[in-house]
PDB file of N, CA and C in Angstrom:
ATOM      1  N   UNK A   1      57.387   6.162  -6.675  1.00  0.00           N
ATOM      2  CA  UNK A   1      58.305   5.202  -7.278  1.00  0.00           C
ATOM      3  C   UNK A   1      58.343   3.948  -6.409  1.00  0.00           C
ATOM      4  N   UNK A   2      58.115   2.805  -7.002  1.00  0.00           N
ATOM      5  CA  UNK A   2      58.073   1.556  -6.248  1.00  0.00           C
ATOM      6  C   UNK A   2      59.455   0.917  -6.188  1.00  0.00           C
ATOM      7  N   UNK A   3      59.669   0.139  -5.148  1.00  0.00           N
ATOM      8  CA  UNK A   3      60.934  -0.575  -4.988  1.00  0.00           C
ATOM      9  C   UNK A   3      60.923  -1.825  -5.856  1.00  0.00           C
ATOM     10  N   UNK A   4      62.101  -2.178  -6.314  1.00  0.00           N
ATOM     11  CA  UNK A   4      62.237  -3.400  -7.113  1.00  0.00           C
ATOM     12  C   UNK A   4      62.291  -4.612  -6.198  1.00  0.00           C
ATOM     13  N   UNK A   5      61.692  -5.692  -6.637  1.00  0.00           N
ATOM     14  CA  UNK A   5      61.769  -6.940  -5.884  1.00  0.00           C
ATOM     15  C   UNK A   5      63.108  -7.616  -6.172  1.00  0.00           C
ATOM     16  N   UNK A   6      63.461  -8.586  -5.339  1.00  0.00           N
ATOM     17  CA  UNK A   6      64.707  -9.328  -5.559  1.00  0.00           C
ATOM     18  C   UNK A   6      64.695 -10.043  -6.911  1.00  0.00           C
ATOM     19  N   UNK A   7      63.559 -10.558  -7.305  1.00  0.00           N
ATOM     20  CA  UNK A   7      63.457 -11.244  -8.599  1.00  0.00           C
ATOM     21  C   UNK A   7      63.697 -10.264  -9.752  1.00  0.00           C
ATOM     22  N   UNK A   8      63.149  -9.048  -9.638  1.00  0.00           N
ATOM     23  CA  UNK A   8      63.351  -8.037 -10.682  1.00  0.00           C
ATOM     24  C   UNK A   8      64.805  -7.601 -10.744  1.00  0.00           C
ATOM     25  N   UNK A   9      65.434  -7.437  -9.588  1.00  0.00           N
ATOM     26  CA  UNK A   9      66.849  -7.060  -9.548  1.00  0.00           C
ATOM     27  C   UNK A   9      67.701  -8.159 -10.177  1.00  0.00           C
ATOM     28  N   UNK A  10      67.388  -9.416  -9.870  1.00  0.00           N
ATOM     29  CA  UNK A  10      68.132 -10.534 -10.456  1.00  0.00           C
ATOM     30  C   UNK A  10      67.978 -10.568 -11.970  1.00  0.00           C
ATOM     31  N   UNK A  11      66.771 -10.309 -12.448  1.00  0.00           N
ATOM     32  CA  UNK A  11      66.516 -10.309 -13.892  1.00  0.00           C
ATOM     33  C   UNK A  11      67.296  -9.186 -14.575  1.00  0.00           C
ATOM     34  N   UNK A  12      67.308  -7.995 -13.966  1.00  0.00           N
ATOM     35  CA  UNK A  12      68.058  -6.862 -14.527  1.00  0.00           C
ATOM     36  C   UNK A  12      69.551  -7.185 -14.538  1.00  0.00           C
ATOM     37  N   UNK A  13      70.050  -7.747 -13.443  1.00  0.00           N
ATOM     38  CA  UNK A  13      71.468  -8.116 -13.371  1.00  0.00           C
ATOM     39  C   UNK A  13      71.814  -9.142 -14.442  1.00  0.00           C
ATOM     40  N   UNK A  14      70.926 -10.090 -14.671  1.00  0.00           N
ATOM     41  CA  UNK A  14      71.153 -11.103 -15.702  1.00  0.00           C
ATOM     42  C   UNK A  14      71.197 -10.473 -17.095  1.00  0.00           C
ATOM     43  N   UNK A  15      70.304  -9.532 -17.351  1.00  0.00           N
ATOM     44  CA  UNK A  15      70.282  -8.854 -18.651  1.00  0.00           C
ATOM     45  C   UNK A  15      71.558  -8.040 -18.859  1.00  0.00           C
ATOM     46  N   UNK A  16      71.988  -7.333 -17.822  1.00  0.00           N
ATOM     47  CA  UNK A  16      73.218  -6.542 -17.918  1.00  0.00           C
ATOM     48  C   UNK A  16      74.409  -7.456 -18.150  1.00  0.00           C
ATOM     49  N   UNK A  17      74.456  -8.552 -17.415  1.00  0.00           N
ATOM     50  CA  UNK A  17      75.548  -9.513 -17.560  1.00  0.00           C
ATOM     51  C   UNK A  17      75.575 -10.106 -18.961  1.00  0.00           C
ATOM     52  N   UNK A  18      74.420 -10.453 -19.499  1.00  0.00           N
ATOM     53  CA  UNK A  18      74.348 -10.979 -20.863  1.00  0.00           C
ATOM     54  C   UNK A  18      74.834  -9.951 -21.872  1.00  0.00           C
ATOM     55  N   UNK A  19      74.477  -8.698 -21.656  1.00  0.00           N
ATOM     56  CA  UNK A  19      74.896  -7.624 -22.569  1.00  0.00           C
ATOM     57  C   UNK A  19      76.412  -7.455 -22.541  1.00  0.00           C
ATOM     58  N   UNK A  20      76.983  -7.498 -21.355  1.00  0.00           N
ATOM     59  CA  UNK A  20      78.423  -7.274 -21.222  1.00  0.00           C
ATOM     60  C   UNK A  20      79.223  -8.477 -21.701  1.00  0.00           C
ATOM     61  N   UNK A  21      78.805  -9.686 -21.322  1.00  0.00           N
ATOM     62  CA  UNK A  21      79.591 -10.877 -21.633  1.00  0.00           C
ATOM     63  C   UNK A  21      79.105 -11.631 -22.861  1.00  0.00           C
ATOM     64  N   UNK A  22      78.117 -11.133 -23.565  1.00  0.00           N
ATOM     65  CA  UNK A  22      77.683 -11.770 -24.797  1.00  0.00           C
ATOM     66  C   UNK A  22      76.811 -12.992 -24.610  1.00  0.00           C
ATOM     67  N   UNK A  23      76.192 -13.157 -23.471  1.00  0.00           N
ATOM     68  CA  UNK A  23      75.196 -14.206 -23.312  1.00  0.00           C
ATOM     69  C   UNK A  23      75.644 -15.490 -22.672  1.00  0.00           C
ATOM     70  N   UNK A  24      76.915 -15.849 -22.719  1.00  0.00           N
ATOM     71  CA  UNK A  24      77.344 -17.122 -22.162  1.00  0.00           C
ATOM     72  C   UNK A  24      77.282 -17.135 -20.646  1.00  0.00           C
ATOM     73  N   UNK A  25      77.405 -18.317 -20.080  1.00  0.00           N
ATOM     74  CA  UNK A  25      77.385 -18.465 -18.632  1.00  0.00           C
ATOM     75  C   UNK A  25      78.771 -18.148 -18.089  1.00  0.00           C
ATOM     76  N   UNK A  26      79.030 -16.882 -17.814  1.00  0.00           N
ATOM     77  CA  UNK A  26      80.319 -16.435 -17.306  1.00  0.00           C
ATOM     78  C   UNK A  26      80.139 -16.014 -15.853  1.00  0.00           C
ATOM     79  N   UNK A  27      80.993 -16.488 -14.963  1.00  0.00           N
ATOM     80  CA  UNK A  27      80.865 -16.103 -13.556  1.00  0.00           C
ATOM     81  C   UNK A  27      81.238 -14.640 -13.342  1.00  0.00           C
ATOM     82  N   UNK A  28      80.808 -14.099 -12.198  1.00  0.00           N
ATOM     83  CA  UNK A  28      81.137 -12.707 -11.863  1.00  0.00           C
ATOM     84  C   UNK A  28      82.574 -12.591 -11.383  1.00  0.00           C
ATOM     85  N   UNK A  29      83.045 -13.594 -10.635  1.00  0.00           N
ATOM     86  CA  UNK A  29      84.386 -13.598 -10.055  1.00  0.00           C
ATOM     87  C   UNK A  29      85.044 -14.935 -10.355  1.00  0.00           C
ATOM     88  N   UNK A  30      86.386 -14.920 -10.410  1.00  0.00           N
ATOM     89  CA  UNK A  30      87.110 -16.162 -10.659  1.00  0.00           C
ATOM     90  C   UNK A  30      88.503 -16.055 -10.071  1.00  0.00           C
ATOM     91  N   UNK A  31      89.105 -17.190  -9.700  1.00  0.00           N
ATOM     92  CA  UNK A  31      90.500 -17.154  -9.259  1.00  0.00           C
ATOM     93  C   UNK A  31      91.386 -16.720 -10.431  1.00  0.00           C
ATOM     94  N   UNK A  32      92.573 -16.192 -10.143  1.00  0.00           N
ATOM     95  CA  UNK A  32      93.441 -15.665 -11.215  1.00  0.00           C
ATOM     96  C   UNK A  32      93.682 -16.638 -12.368  1.00  0.00           C
ATOM     97  N   UNK A  33      93.876 -17.918 -12.071  1.00  0.00           N
ATOM     98  CA  UNK A  33      94.140 -18.904 -13.135  1.00  0.00           C
ATOM     99  C   UNK A  33      92.974 -18.950 -14.128  1.00  0.00           C
ATOM    100  N   UNK A  34      91.741 -18.990 -13.618  1.00  0.00           N
ATOM    101  CA  UNK A  34      90.563 -19.021 -14.488  1.00  0.00           C
ATOM    102  C   UNK A  34      90.320 -17.665 -15.144  1.00  0.00           C
ATOM    103  N   UNK A  35      90.595 -16.589 -14.404  1.00  0.00           N
ATOM    104  CA  UNK A  35      90.396 -15.238 -14.946  1.00  0.00           C
ATOM    105  C   UNK A  35      91.286 -15.015 -16.166  1.00  0.00           C
ATOM    106  N   UNK A  36      92.495 -15.565 -16.124  1.00  0.00           N
ATOM    107  CA  UNK A  36      93.403 -15.434 -17.278  1.00  0.00           C
ATOM    108  C   UNK A  36      92.790 -16.058 -18.526  1.00  0.00           C
ATOM    109  N   UNK A  37      92.199 -17.227 -18.368  1.00  0.00           N
ATOM    110  CA  UNK A  37      91.588 -17.928 -19.503  1.00  0.00           C
ATOM    111  C   UNK A  37      90.365 -17.151 -20.000  1.00  0.00           C
ATOM    112  N   UNK A  38      89.515 -16.717 -19.077  1.00  0.00           N
ATOM    113  CA  UNK A  38      88.278 -16.033 -19.454  1.00  0.00           C
ATOM    114  C   UNK A  38      88.574 -14.689 -20.125  1.00  0.00           C
ATOM    115  N   UNK A  39      89.545 -13.939 -19.574  1.00  0.00           N
ATOM    116  CA  UNK A  39      89.848 -12.604 -20.105  1.00  0.00           C
ATOM    117  C   UNK A  39      90.867 -12.634 -21.232  1.00  0.00           C
ATOM    118  N   UNK A  40      91.531 -13.765 -21.439  1.00  0.00           N
ATOM    119  CA  UNK A  40      92.514 -13.869 -22.518  1.00  0.00           C
ATOM    120  C   UNK A  40      93.816 -13.143 -22.199  1.00  0.00           C
ATOM    121  N   UNK A  41      94.206 -13.123 -20.918  1.00  0.00           N
ATOM    122  CA  UNK A  41      95.432 -12.451 -20.501  1.00  0.00           C
ATOM    123  C   UNK A  41      96.436 -13.466 -19.981  1.00  0.00           C
ATOM    124  N   UNK A  42      97.711 -13.153 -20.123  1.00  0.00           N
ATOM    125  CA  UNK A  42      98.754 -13.942 -19.484  1.00  0.00           C
ATOM    126  C   UNK A  42      98.712 -13.646 -17.991  1.00  0.00           C
ATOM    127  N   UNK A  43      99.191 -14.560 -17.185  1.00  0.00           N
ATOM    128  CA  UNK A  43      99.142 -14.403 -15.735  1.00  0.00           C
ATOM    129  C   UNK A  43      99.894 -13.139 -15.277  1.00  0.00           C
ATOM    130  N   UNK A  44     101.076 -12.905 -15.840  1.00  0.00           N
ATOM    131  CA  UNK A  44     101.857 -11.722 -15.436  1.00  0.00           C
ATOM    132  C   UNK A  44     101.125 -10.433 -15.806  1.00  0.00           C
ATOM    133  N   UNK A  45     100.476 -10.402 -16.964  1.00  0.00           N
ATOM    134  CA  UNK A  45      99.727  -9.216 -17.386  1.00  0.00           C
ATOM    135  C   UNK A  45      98.535  -8.981 -16.467  1.00  0.00           C
ATOM    136  N   UNK A  46      97.861 -10.051 -16.056  1.00  0.00           N
ATOM    137  CA  UNK A  46      96.746  -9.915 -15.130  1.00  0.00           C
ATOM    138  C   UNK A  46      97.209  -9.266 -13.833  1.00  0.00           C
ATOM    139  N   UNK A  47      98.334  -9.733 -13.286  1.00  0.00           N
ATOM    140  CA  UNK A  47      98.837  -9.163 -12.040  1.00  0.00           C
ATOM    141  C   UNK A  47      99.311  -7.722 -12.237  1.00  0.00           C
ATOM    142  N   UNK A  48      99.859  -7.385 -13.412  1.00  0.00           N
ATOM    143  CA  UNK A  48     100.206  -5.987 -13.699  1.00  0.00           C
ATOM    144  C   UNK A  48      98.968  -5.107 -13.648  1.00  0.00           C
ATOM    145  N   UNK A  49      97.892  -5.563 -14.288  1.00  0.00           N
ATOM    146  CA  UNK A  49      96.640  -4.803 -14.314  1.00  0.00           C
ATOM    147  C   UNK A  49      96.030  -4.694 -12.911  1.00  0.00           C
ATOM    148  N   UNK A  50      96.133  -5.776 -12.125  1.00  0.00           N
ATOM    149  CA  UNK A  50      95.640  -5.742 -10.747  1.00  0.00           C
ATOM    150  C   UNK A  50      96.447  -4.746  -9.919  1.00  0.00           C
ATOM    151  N   UNK A  51      97.765  -4.769 -10.071  1.00  0.00           N
ATOM    152  CA  UNK A  51      98.646  -3.873  -9.326  1.00  0.00           C
ATOM    153  C   UNK A  51      98.427  -2.414  -9.674  1.00  0.00           C
ATOM    154  N   UNK A  52      98.117  -2.156 -10.950  1.00  0.00           N
ATOM    155  CA  UNK A  52      97.878  -0.786 -11.397  1.00  0.00           C
ATOM    156  C   UNK A  52      96.477  -0.301 -11.024  1.00  0.00           C
ATOM    157  N   UNK A  53      95.636  -1.216 -10.547  1.00  0.00           N
ATOM    158  CA  UNK A  53      94.279  -0.844 -10.165  1.00  0.00           C
ATOM    159  C   UNK A  53      93.298  -0.808 -11.320  1.00  0.00           C
ATOM    160  N   UNK A  54      93.691  -1.313 -12.487  1.00  0.00           N
ATOM    161  CA  UNK A  54      92.803  -1.328 -13.653  1.00  0.00           C
ATOM    162  C   UNK A  54      91.763  -2.435 -13.566  1.00  0.00           C
ATOM    163  N   UNK A  55      92.122  -3.516 -12.882  1.00  0.00           N
ATOM    164  CA  UNK A  55      91.212  -4.637 -12.663  1.00  0.00           C
ATOM    165  C   UNK A  55      91.094  -4.827 -11.154  1.00  0.00           C
ATOM    166  N   UNK A  56      89.888  -5.071 -10.695  1.00  0.00           N
ATOM    167  CA  UNK A  56      89.652  -5.226  -9.266  1.00  0.00           C
ATOM    168  C   UNK A  56      89.705  -6.695  -8.860  1.00  0.00           C
ATOM    169  N   UNK A  57      90.119  -6.914  -7.609  1.00  0.00           N
ATOM    170  CA  UNK A  57      90.153  -8.262  -7.052  1.00  0.00           C
ATOM    171  C   UNK A  57      89.810  -8.174  -5.574  1.00  0.00           C
ATOM    172  N   UNK A  58      89.356  -9.279  -5.038  1.00  0.00           N
ATOM    173  CA  UNK A  58      88.939  -9.343  -3.642  1.00  0.00           C
ATOM    174  C   UNK A  58      89.535 -10.581  -2.996  1.00  0.00           C
ATOM    175  N   UNK A  59      89.841 -10.459  -1.705  1.00  0.00           N
ATOM    176  CA  UNK A  59      90.352 -11.596  -0.949  1.00  0.00           C
ATOM    177  C   UNK A  59      89.197 -12.304  -0.261  1.00  0.00           C
ATOM    178  N   UNK A  60      89.159 -13.603  -0.385  1.00  0.00           N
ATOM    179  CA  UNK A  60      88.202 -14.438   0.311  1.00  0.00           C
ATOM    180  C   UNK A  60      89.029 -15.410   1.145  1.00  0.00           C
ATOM    181  N   UNK A  61      89.239 -15.058   2.422  1.00  0.00           N
ATOM    182  CA  UNK A  61      90.174 -15.768   3.287  1.00  0.00           C
ATOM    183  C   UNK A  61      91.557 -15.730   2.638  1.00  0.00           C
ATOM    184  N   UNK A  62      92.077 -16.844   2.183  1.00  0.00           N
ATOM    185  CA  UNK A  62      93.407 -16.845   1.572  1.00  0.00           C
ATOM    186  C   UNK A  62      93.356 -16.817   0.047  1.00  0.00           C
ATOM    187  N   UNK A  63      92.183 -16.969  -0.516  1.00  0.00           N
ATOM    188  CA  UNK A  63      92.094 -17.016  -1.981  1.00  0.00           C
ATOM    189  C   UNK A  63      91.793 -15.633  -2.548  1.00  0.00           C
ATOM    190  N   UNK A  64      92.267 -15.403  -3.755  1.00  0.00           N
ATOM    191  CA  UNK A  64      92.058 -14.147  -4.463  1.00  0.00           C
ATOM    192  C   UNK A  64      90.986 -14.377  -5.524  1.00  0.00           C
ATOM    193  N   UNK A  65      90.025 -13.487  -5.608  1.00  0.00           N
ATOM    194  CA  UNK A  65      88.982 -13.564  -6.634  1.00  0.00           C
ATOM    195  C   UNK A  65      89.031 -12.315  -7.491  1.00  0.00           C
ATOM    196  N   UNK A  66      89.150 -12.496  -8.786  1.00  0.00           N
ATOM    197  CA  UNK A  66      89.235 -11.397  -9.737  1.00  0.00           C
ATOM    198  C   UNK A  66      87.831 -11.026 -10.187  1.00  0.00           C
ATOM    199  N   UNK A  67      87.535  -9.739 -10.189  1.00  0.00           N
ATOM    200  CA  UNK A  67      86.252  -9.229 -10.676  1.00  0.00           C
ATOM    201  C   UNK A  67      86.305  -9.236 -12.204  1.00  0.00           C
ATOM    202  N   UNK A  68      85.618 -10.185 -12.812  1.00  0.00           N
ATOM    203  CA  UNK A  68      85.686 -10.352 -14.264  1.00  0.00           C
ATOM    204  C   UNK A  68      85.051  -9.187 -15.015  1.00  0.00           C
ATOM    205  N   UNK A  69      84.061  -8.551 -14.404  1.00  0.00           N
ATOM    206  CA  UNK A  69      83.432  -7.421 -15.076  1.00  0.00           C
ATOM    207  C   UNK A  69      84.409  -6.246 -15.192  1.00  0.00           C
ATOM    208  N   UNK A  70      85.210  -6.012 -14.145  1.00  0.00           N
ATOM    209  CA  UNK A  70      86.195  -4.927 -14.232  1.00  0.00           C
ATOM    210  C   UNK A  70      87.274  -5.283 -15.258  1.00  0.00           C
ATOM    211  N   UNK A  71      87.608  -6.583 -15.378  1.00  0.00           N
ATOM    212  CA  UNK A  71      88.564  -7.013 -16.400  1.00  0.00           C
ATOM    213  C   UNK A  71      88.017  -6.801 -17.803  1.00  0.00           C
ATOM    214  N   UNK A  72      86.744  -7.113 -17.973  1.00  0.00           N
ATOM    215  CA  UNK A  72      86.097  -6.912 -19.272  1.00  0.00           C
ATOM    216  C   UNK A  72      86.053  -5.429 -19.641  1.00  0.00           C
ATOM    217  N   UNK A  73      85.723  -4.578 -18.642  1.00  0.00           N
ATOM    218  CA  UNK A  73      85.703  -3.123 -18.882  1.00  0.00           C
ATOM    219  C   UNK A  73      87.089  -2.621 -19.272  1.00  0.00           C
ATOM    220  N   UNK A  74      88.125  -3.138 -18.597  1.00  0.00           N
ATOM    221  CA  UNK A  74      89.495  -2.718 -18.894  1.00  0.00           C
ATOM    222  C   UNK A  74      89.861  -3.082 -20.329  1.00  0.00           C
ATOM    223  N   UNK A  75      89.544  -4.270 -20.737  1.00  0.00           N
ATOM    224  CA  UNK A  75      89.881  -4.704 -22.095  1.00  0.00           C
ATOM    225  C   UNK A  75      89.122  -3.870 -23.119  1.00  0.00           C
ATOM    226  N   UNK A  76      87.843  -3.594 -22.850  1.00  0.00           N
ATOM    227  CA  UNK A  76      87.050  -2.797 -23.791  1.00  0.00           C
ATOM    228  C   UNK A  76      87.515  -1.342 -23.845  1.00  0.00           C
ATOM    229  N   UNK A  77      88.251  -0.867 -22.820  1.00  0.00           N
ATOM    230  CA  UNK A  77      88.741   0.504 -22.806  1.00  0.00           C
ATOM    231  C   UNK A  77      90.014   0.671 -23.645  1.00  0.00           C
ATOM    232  N   UNK A  78      90.640  -0.437 -24.009  1.00  0.00           N
ATOM    233  CA  UNK A  78      91.861  -0.377 -24.814  1.00  0.00           C
ATOM    234  C   UNK A  78      91.523   0.027 -26.245  1.00  0.00           C
ATOM    235  N   UNK A  79      92.497   0.619 -26.961  1.00  0.00           N
ATOM    236  CA  UNK A  79      92.214   1.007 -28.354  1.00  0.00           C
ATOM    237  C   UNK A  79      91.986  -0.214 -29.229  1.00  0.00           C
ATOM    238  N   UNK A  80      91.132  -0.054 -30.228  1.00  0.00           N
ATOM    239  CA  UNK A  80      90.863  -1.151 -31.168  1.00  0.00           C
ATOM    240  C   UNK A  80      92.110  -1.433 -31.992  1.00  0.00           C
ATOM    241  N   UNK A  81      92.299  -2.698 -32.293  1.00  0.00           N
ATOM    242  CA  UNK A  81      93.446  -3.113 -33.098  1.00  0.00           C
ATOM    243  C   UNK A  81      93.187  -2.792 -34.568  1.00  0.00           C
ATOM    244  N   UNK A  82      94.213  -2.295 -35.229  1.00  0.00           N
ATOM    245  CA  UNK A  82      94.134  -2.050 -36.668  1.00  0.00           C
ATOM    246  C   UNK A  82      95.075  -3.043 -37.339  1.00  0.00           C
ATOM    247  N   UNK A  83      94.499  -4.033 -37.959  1.00  0.00           N
ATOM    248  CA  UNK A  83      95.284  -5.111 -38.567  1.00  0.00           C
ATOM    249  C   UNK A  83      95.330  -4.905 -40.074  1.00  0.00           C
ATOM    250  N   UNK A  84      96.551  -4.786 -40.594  1.00  0.00           N
ATOM    251  CA  UNK A  84      96.724  -4.663 -42.035  1.00  0.00           C
ATOM    252  C   UNK A  84      96.967  -6.039 -42.625  1.00  0.00           C
ATOM    253  N   UNK A  85      96.596  -6.234 -43.884  1.00  0.00           N
ATOM    254  CA  UNK A  85      96.924  -7.512 -44.524  1.00  0.00           C
ATOM    255  C   UNK A  85      98.442  -7.677 -44.584  1.00  0.00           C
ATOM    256  N   UNK A  86      98.916  -8.893 -44.547  1.00  0.00           N
ATOM    257  CA  UNK A  86     100.357  -9.144 -44.619  1.00  0.00           C
ATOM    258  C   UNK A  86     100.874  -8.733 -45.994  1.00  0.00           C
ATOM    259  N   UNK A  87     102.187  -8.543 -46.092  1.00  0.00           N
ATOM    260  CA  UNK A  87     102.798  -8.185 -47.370  1.00  0.00           C
ATOM    261  C   UNK A  87     102.518  -9.254 -48.419  1.00  0.00           C
ATOM    262  N   UNK A  88     102.531 -10.507 -47.995  1.00  0.00           N
ATOM    263  CA  UNK A  88     102.265 -11.598 -48.924  1.00  0.00           C
ATOM    264  C   UNK A  88     100.847 -11.504 -49.482  1.00  0.00           C
ATOM    265  N   UNK A  89      99.874 -11.211 -48.617  1.00  0.00           N
ATOM    266  CA  UNK A  89      98.488 -11.090 -49.065  1.00  0.00           C
ATOM    267  C   UNK A  89      98.318  -9.885 -49.990  1.00  0.00           C
ATOM    268  N   UNK A  90      99.027  -8.798 -49.685  1.00  0.00           N
ATOM    269  CA  UNK A  90      98.940  -7.612 -50.554  1.00  0.00           C
ATOM    270  C   UNK A  90      99.532  -7.912 -51.926  1.00  0.00           C
ATOM    271  N   UNK A  91     100.656  -8.638 -51.952  1.00  0.00           N
ATOM    272  CA  UNK A  91     101.268  -8.996 -53.246  1.00  0.00           C
ATOM    273  C   UNK A  91     100.339  -9.901 -54.031  1.00  0.00           C
ATOM    274  N   UNK A  92      99.718 -10.847 -53.345  1.00  0.00           N
ATOM    275  CA  UNK A  92      98.816 -11.784 -53.994  1.00  0.00           C
ATOM    276  C   UNK A  92      97.634 -11.045 -54.616  1.00  0.00           C
ATOM    277  N   UNK A  93      97.127 -10.040 -53.897  1.00  0.00           N
ATOM    278  CA  UNK A  93      95.984  -9.285 -54.397  1.00  0.00           C
ATOM    279  C   UNK A  93      96.371  -8.478 -55.640  1.00  0.00           C
ATOM    280  N   UNK A  94      97.577  -7.912 -55.646  1.00  0.00           N
ATOM    281  CA  UNK A  94      98.030  -7.100 -56.777  1.00  0.00           C
ATOM    282  C   UNK A  94      98.292  -7.969 -57.990  1.00  0.00           C
ATOM    283  N   UNK A  95      98.954  -9.116 -57.800  1.00  0.00           N
ATOM    284  CA  UNK A  95      99.327  -9.962 -58.938  1.00  0.00           C
ATOM    285  C   UNK A  95      98.264 -11.001 -59.266  1.00  0.00           C
ATOM    286  N   UNK A  96      97.124 -10.953 -58.609  1.00  0.00           N
ATOM    287  CA  UNK A  96      96.083 -11.963 -58.812  1.00  0.00           C
ATOM    288  C   UNK A  96      95.567 -11.983 -60.246  1.00  0.00           C
ATOM    289  N   UNK A  97      95.548 -10.835 -60.915  1.00  0.00           N
ATOM    290  CA  UNK A  97      95.022 -10.756 -62.268  1.00  0.00           C
ATOM    291  C   UNK A  97      95.915 -11.423 -63.303  1.00  0.00           C
ATOM    292  N   UNK A  98      97.195 -11.527 -63.007  1.00  0.00           N
ATOM    293  CA  UNK A  98      98.135 -12.117 -63.955  1.00  0.00           C
ATOM    294  C   UNK A  98      98.259 -13.615 -63.716  1.00  0.00           C
ATOM    295  N   UNK A  99      97.978 -14.403 -64.753  1.00  0.00           N
ATOM    296  CA  UNK A  99      98.097 -15.856 -64.617  1.00  0.00           C
ATOM    297  C   UNK A  99      99.493 -16.326 -65.013  1.00  0.00           C
ATOM    298  N   UNK A 100     100.279 -15.427 -65.613  1.00  0.00           N
ATOM    299  CA  UNK A 100     101.627 -15.787 -66.054  1.00  0.00           C
ATOM    300  C   UNK A 100     102.597 -15.692 -64.892  1.00  0.00           C
ATOM    301  N   UNK A 101     103.390 -16.736 -64.673  1.00  0.00           N
ATOM    302  CA  UNK A 101     104.362 -16.727 -63.563  1.00  0.00           C
ATOM    303  C   UNK A 101     105.635 -16.049 -64.034  1.00  0.00           C
ATOM    304  N   UNK A 102     106.297 -15.375 -63.111  1.00  0.00           N
ATOM    305  CA  UNK A 102     107.563 -14.717 -63.440  1.00  0.00           C
ATOM    306  C   UNK A 102     108.665 -15.764 -63.552  1.00  0.00           C
ATOM    307  N   UNK A 103     109.670 -15.491 -64.353  1.00  0.00           N
ATOM    308  CA  UNK A 103     110.816 -16.409 -64.440  1.00  0.00           C
ATOM    309  C   UNK A 103     111.515 -16.502 -63.092  1.00  0.00           C
ATOM    310  N   UNK A 104     112.217 -17.611 -62.852  1.00  0.00           N
ATOM    311  CA  UNK A 104     112.845 -17.887 -61.558  1.00  0.00           C
ATOM    312  C   UNK A 104     113.835 -16.796 -61.153  1.00  0.00           C
ATOM    313  N   UNK A 105     114.619 -16.224 -62.094  1.00  0.00           N
ATOM    314  CA  UNK A 105     115.626 -15.230 -61.744  1.00  0.00           C
ATOM    315  C   UNK A 105     114.993 -13.904 -61.297  1.00  0.00           C
ATOM    316  N   UNK A 106     113.726 -13.625 -61.646  1.00  0.00           N
ATOM    317  CA  UNK A 106     113.075 -12.383 -61.271  1.00  0.00           C
ATOM    318  C   UNK A 106     112.457 -12.457 -59.881  1.00  0.00           C
ATOM    319  N   UNK A 107     112.321 -13.615 -59.295  1.00  0.00           N
ATOM    320  CA  UNK A 107     111.653 -13.775 -57.991  1.00  0.00           C
ATOM    321  C   UNK A 107     112.475 -13.274 -56.887  1.00  0.00           C
TER     322      UNK A 107
END
């Protein structure tokens, strides 16, 4: 078995990163303010997740860097949202076949 070169490792890392983040130029680490925007979390929620150990972060001297890949994994581990149509949309779908409007007192 041969060892991978640095160029091959970089290429594999790039492919994995593209697969996880959907292809855009997303950094591996970011300060909390930027991490909130990238991950779509409120600042307080980000710190809750960091405190619970669900998202990893590292100290670089006095600055904090959030591991965006661990944040992405955390979000993907959450249950999928089940969104139902609003009551208004359901009513519209049911009454869509009728072109006759109801009298004002029946509304």
